[in-house]
N, C-alpha and C. Protein backbone atom coordinates (compact mmCIF):
# COMPACT_ATOMS: atom_id res chain seq x y z
N MET A 1 8.12 18.17 18.81
CA MET A 1 5.83 18.12 19.45
C MET A 1 5.99 19.02 20.77
N ASP A 2 6.94 18.90 21.58
CA ASP A 2 7.21 19.60 22.56
C ASP A 2 7.30 20.93 22.87
N ILE A 3 7.77 21.36 21.37
CA ILE A 3 7.55 22.98 21.22
C ILE A 3 6.71 23.68 20.31
N LEU A 4 6.53 22.55 19.54
CA LEU A 4 5.57 23.37 18.11
C LEU A 4 4.00 23.24 18.26
N GLY A 5 4.61 22.15 19.03
CA GLY A 5 2.89 21.75 19.06
C GLY A 5 1.92 22.68 20.19
N PRO A 6 2.55 23.16 21.26
CA PRO A 6 1.95 23.93 21.96
C PRO A 6 1.59 25.48 21.72
N ALA A 7 2.56 25.88 20.07
CA ALA A 7 2.60 27.30 20.25
C ALA A 7 1.53 27.12 18.69
N GLY A 8 0.91 26.05 18.70
CA GLY A 8 0.09 26.25 17.72
C GLY A 8 -0.18 25.28 16.53
N LEU A 9 1.69 25.12 16.04
CA LEU A 9 2.23 24.96 14.32
C LEU A 9 1.16 23.67 14.32
N CYS A 10 1.21 23.66 12.88
CA CYS A 10 0.75 22.26 12.55
C CYS A 10 1.54 21.04 12.33
N VAL A 11 2.17 19.77 12.79
CA VAL A 11 3.32 19.47 13.07
C VAL A 11 2.54 17.83 13.68
N ALA A 12 3.54 16.81 12.90
CA ALA A 12 3.85 15.69 12.90
C ALA A 12 5.11 14.72 12.93
N PRO A 13 4.78 14.08 14.10
CA PRO A 13 6.47 13.78 14.09
C PRO A 13 6.91 12.69 12.51
N VAL A 14 8.32 12.11 12.36
CA VAL A 14 8.24 11.74 11.44
C VAL A 14 8.57 10.50 12.17
N LEU A 15 7.87 9.19 11.51
CA LEU A 15 8.10 8.07 12.06
C LEU A 15 8.63 6.73 10.99
N SER A 16 9.13 6.17 11.31
CA SER A 16 9.91 5.10 10.61
C SER A 16 8.87 4.41 9.76
N LEU A 17 9.12 3.21 9.16
CA LEU A 17 7.97 2.97 8.13
C LEU A 17 6.94 1.35 8.96
N MET A 18 7.60 0.79 9.56
CA MET A 18 6.78 0.34 10.87
C MET A 18 6.26 0.77 11.36
N GLU A 19 6.48 2.47 11.87
CA GLU A 19 5.41 3.10 13.36
C GLU A 19 4.81 3.38 11.98
N SER A 20 4.64 4.15 11.05
CA SER A 20 4.03 4.44 10.35
C SER A 20 2.48 3.28 9.79
N LEU A 21 2.94 2.01 9.24
CA LEU A 21 2.44 0.56 9.37
C LEU A 21 0.82 1.03 10.71
N GLU A 22 1.88 0.92 11.83
CA GLU A 22 1.26 0.52 12.96
C GLU A 22 0.24 1.93 13.34
N HIS A 23 0.57 3.33 13.34
CA HIS A 23 -0.73 4.19 13.50
C HIS A 23 -1.91 3.66 13.28
N PRO A 24 -2.41 4.93 13.65
CA PRO A 24 -3.64 4.38 13.34
C PRO A 24 -4.74 4.98 12.37
N GLN A 25 -4.20 5.51 12.08
CA GLN A 25 -4.84 6.42 10.35
C GLN A 25 -4.55 5.26 9.70
N ALA A 26 -3.07 4.52 9.62
CA ALA A 26 -2.66 3.62 8.88
C ALA A 26 -4.06 2.18 8.95
N LYS A 27 -4.06 1.92 9.72
CA LYS A 27 -5.12 0.98 10.13
C LYS A 27 -6.47 1.19 9.98
N PHE A 28 -7.09 2.69 10.23
CA PHE A 28 -8.49 2.89 9.87
C PHE A 28 -8.39 2.89 8.41
N ARG A 29 -7.45 3.36 7.75
CA ARG A 29 -7.69 2.87 6.12
C ARG A 29 -6.93 1.89 5.26
N ASN A 30 -7.04 0.86 6.29
CA ASN A 30 -6.41 -0.36 6.07
C ASN A 30 -5.64 -0.47 5.05
N VAL A 31 -3.84 0.16 5.44
CA VAL A 31 -3.26 0.45 4.55
C VAL A 31 -2.60 -0.78 3.42
N LEU A 32 -2.63 -1.94 4.68
CA LEU A 32 -2.13 -3.18 4.77
C LEU A 32 -3.12 -4.16 4.43
N VAL A 33 -3.24 -5.29 3.10
CA VAL A 33 -4.09 -6.24 3.27
C VAL A 33 -3.26 -7.46 3.26
N SER A 34 -3.66 -8.97 3.63
CA SER A 34 -2.84 -9.87 3.55
C SER A 34 -3.84 -11.37 2.72
N GLY A 35 -3.00 -11.91 2.08
CA GLY A 35 -4.12 -12.82 1.57
C GLY A 35 -2.98 -14.66 1.84
N ASP A 36 -2.84 -15.39 0.71
CA ASP A 36 -2.79 -16.10 0.84
C ASP A 36 -2.46 -16.73 -0.55
N GLN A 37 -0.95 -17.18 -1.12
CA GLN A 37 -0.20 -17.01 -2.49
C GLN A 37 0.19 -19.01 -2.53
N ASN A 38 -0.60 -20.12 -2.40
CA ASN A 38 -0.10 -20.89 -2.89
C ASN A 38 1.04 -21.60 -1.84
N GLY A 39 0.04 -20.96 -0.47
CA GLY A 39 0.88 -21.63 0.64
C GLY A 39 1.63 -20.51 1.47
N THR A 40 2.07 -19.83 1.06
CA THR A 40 2.42 -18.47 1.42
C THR A 40 1.82 -17.09 2.01
N LYS A 41 2.07 -17.46 3.32
CA LYS A 41 0.94 -15.33 3.85
C LYS A 41 2.08 -14.25 2.74
N LEU A 42 1.19 -14.09 2.62
CA LEU A 42 1.71 -12.00 2.08
C LEU A 42 0.66 -10.72 2.12
N ARG A 43 1.77 -9.71 2.47
CA ARG A 43 1.61 -8.64 2.89
C ARG A 43 1.80 -7.63 2.22
N GLN A 44 0.79 -6.66 1.76
CA GLN A 44 1.06 -5.62 0.89
C GLN A 44 0.29 -4.43 1.16
N LEU A 45 0.54 -3.23 0.66
CA LEU A 45 0.06 -2.26 0.51
C LEU A 45 -0.77 -2.35 0.11
N ASN A 46 -1.78 -1.82 0.42
CA ASN A 46 -3.43 -1.27 -0.54
C ASN A 46 -4.04 -0.08 -1.41
N CYS A 47 -4.70 -0.43 -2.20
CA CYS A 47 -4.49 0.50 -2.97
C CYS A 47 -5.26 1.58 -2.42
N PRO A 48 -4.09 2.92 -2.49
CA PRO A 48 -4.82 3.99 -1.82
C PRO A 48 -6.24 4.78 -2.04
N ILE A 49 -7.27 4.09 -3.73
CA ILE A 49 -8.22 4.89 -4.24
C ILE A 49 -9.47 3.85 -2.92
N LYS A 50 -10.35 4.68 -3.08
CA LYS A 50 -11.13 4.14 -1.58
C LYS A 50 -12.71 4.87 -2.31
N GLY A 51 -13.42 3.92 -2.03
CA GLY A 51 -15.11 4.43 -2.75
C GLY A 51 -16.16 4.07 -2.54
N ASP A 52 -16.96 3.65 -2.64
CA ASP A 52 -18.28 3.37 -2.84
C ASP A 52 -17.70 2.83 -4.82
N GLY A 53 -18.78 1.42 -4.65
CA GLY A 53 -18.13 0.57 -5.69
C GLY A 53 -17.05 0.07 -5.91
N ILE A 54 -15.78 0.41 -5.03
CA ILE A 54 -14.53 0.06 -5.71
C ILE A 54 -14.32 -1.18 -4.48
N ASP A 55 -14.04 -2.45 -5.51
CA ASP A 55 -13.77 -3.55 -4.56
C ASP A 55 -12.22 -3.44 -3.98
N GLU A 56 -12.62 -3.97 -2.83
CA GLU A 56 -11.71 -4.18 -1.80
C GLU A 56 -10.14 -5.48 -2.30
N PRO A 57 -9.54 -5.27 -2.34
CA PRO A 57 -8.46 -5.42 -3.21
C PRO A 57 -7.58 -6.79 -2.41
N VAL A 58 -7.18 -7.75 -3.24
CA VAL A 58 -6.77 -9.36 -2.54
C VAL A 58 -5.09 -9.20 -3.32
N ALA A 59 -4.73 -10.07 -1.64
CA ALA A 59 -3.63 -10.02 -2.03
C ALA A 59 -3.11 -10.30 -2.43
N GLU A 60 -2.12 -11.04 -3.32
CA GLU A 60 -1.59 -11.77 -4.17
C GLU A 60 -0.26 -11.21 -4.89
N SER A 61 0.56 -12.75 -5.54
CA SER A 61 1.87 -12.65 -6.24
C SER A 61 1.67 -11.58 -7.16
N GLY A 62 3.20 -11.09 -7.30
CA GLY A 62 3.05 -10.55 -8.93
C GLY A 62 3.47 -11.50 -9.81
N PRO A 63 3.65 -11.05 -11.57
CA PRO A 63 3.95 -12.07 -12.26
C PRO A 63 5.17 -13.28 -12.00
N LYS A 64 5.56 -14.78 -12.42
CA LYS A 64 6.80 -15.51 -12.20
C LYS A 64 7.63 -14.36 -13.40
N LEU A 65 9.32 -14.15 -13.20
CA LEU A 65 10.10 -13.83 -13.53
C LEU A 65 10.05 -14.83 -15.08
N GLY A 66 10.23 -13.45 -16.02
CA GLY A 66 10.22 -13.99 -17.27
C GLY A 66 8.49 -14.10 -17.95
N GLU A 67 7.52 -14.04 -17.12
CA GLU A 67 5.97 -14.53 -17.73
C GLU A 67 5.53 -13.92 -18.91
N HIS A 68 5.99 -13.09 -18.97
CA HIS A 68 5.04 -11.83 -19.69
C HIS A 68 6.31 -11.53 -21.36
N ASN A 69 7.86 -12.10 -21.54
CA ASN A 69 8.49 -11.90 -21.47
C ASN A 69 8.36 -12.06 -23.18
N GLU A 70 7.20 -12.61 -23.74
CA GLU A 70 6.91 -12.98 -25.26
C GLU A 70 5.51 -11.96 -25.23
N GLU A 71 5.17 -11.60 -24.36
CA GLU A 71 4.03 -10.64 -25.24
C GLU A 71 4.38 -9.49 -25.51
N GLU A 72 3.30 -9.12 -27.27
CA GLU A 72 4.43 -7.71 -27.50
C GLU A 72 3.05 -6.94 -27.53
N ASN A 73 3.09 -5.45 -27.58
CA ASN A 73 2.34 -4.59 -26.36
C ASN A 73 2.46 -3.67 -27.91
N HIS A 74 2.17 -3.92 -28.95
CA HIS A 74 1.69 -2.71 -30.24
C HIS A 74 1.30 -1.30 -29.98
N GLU A 75 0.52 -0.97 -28.93
CA GLU A 75 0.32 0.07 -28.41
C GLU A 75 1.38 1.38 -28.45
N ASN A 76 2.33 0.85 -27.84
CA ASN A 76 3.62 1.75 -27.72
C ASN A 76 4.51 1.34 -29.16
N ILE A 77 3.86 1.21 -29.88
CA ILE A 77 5.12 1.29 -30.89
C ILE A 77 4.99 2.28 -31.87
N ILE A 78 5.96 2.75 -32.14
CA ILE A 78 6.05 4.34 -32.73
C ILE A 78 5.88 4.25 -33.83
C-alpha cells in the first residue's frame, strides 16, 4: 500500500475475515444481521441484494438435521 498507493495504482489491502466484517464498507452495507432463535443469538451474512422494496432479512436458523428428508421434488425428475 505504501509503495503502490502513492504511485496512483488501484490497490487495496488483503483483509482477514474478521477485518473485512469490521470494515466501514461492510458496516455501511449491513453485511451481518443478528437475530435470536429459541434463545440462541445468531449472526449471519446478510443477503447481498439490496434495493427499494426488498425486505430486510431476519437471522434465523436453517432446517434441522433430516427435516426435509421426506419431501419429494418432482420438478427435477428427468
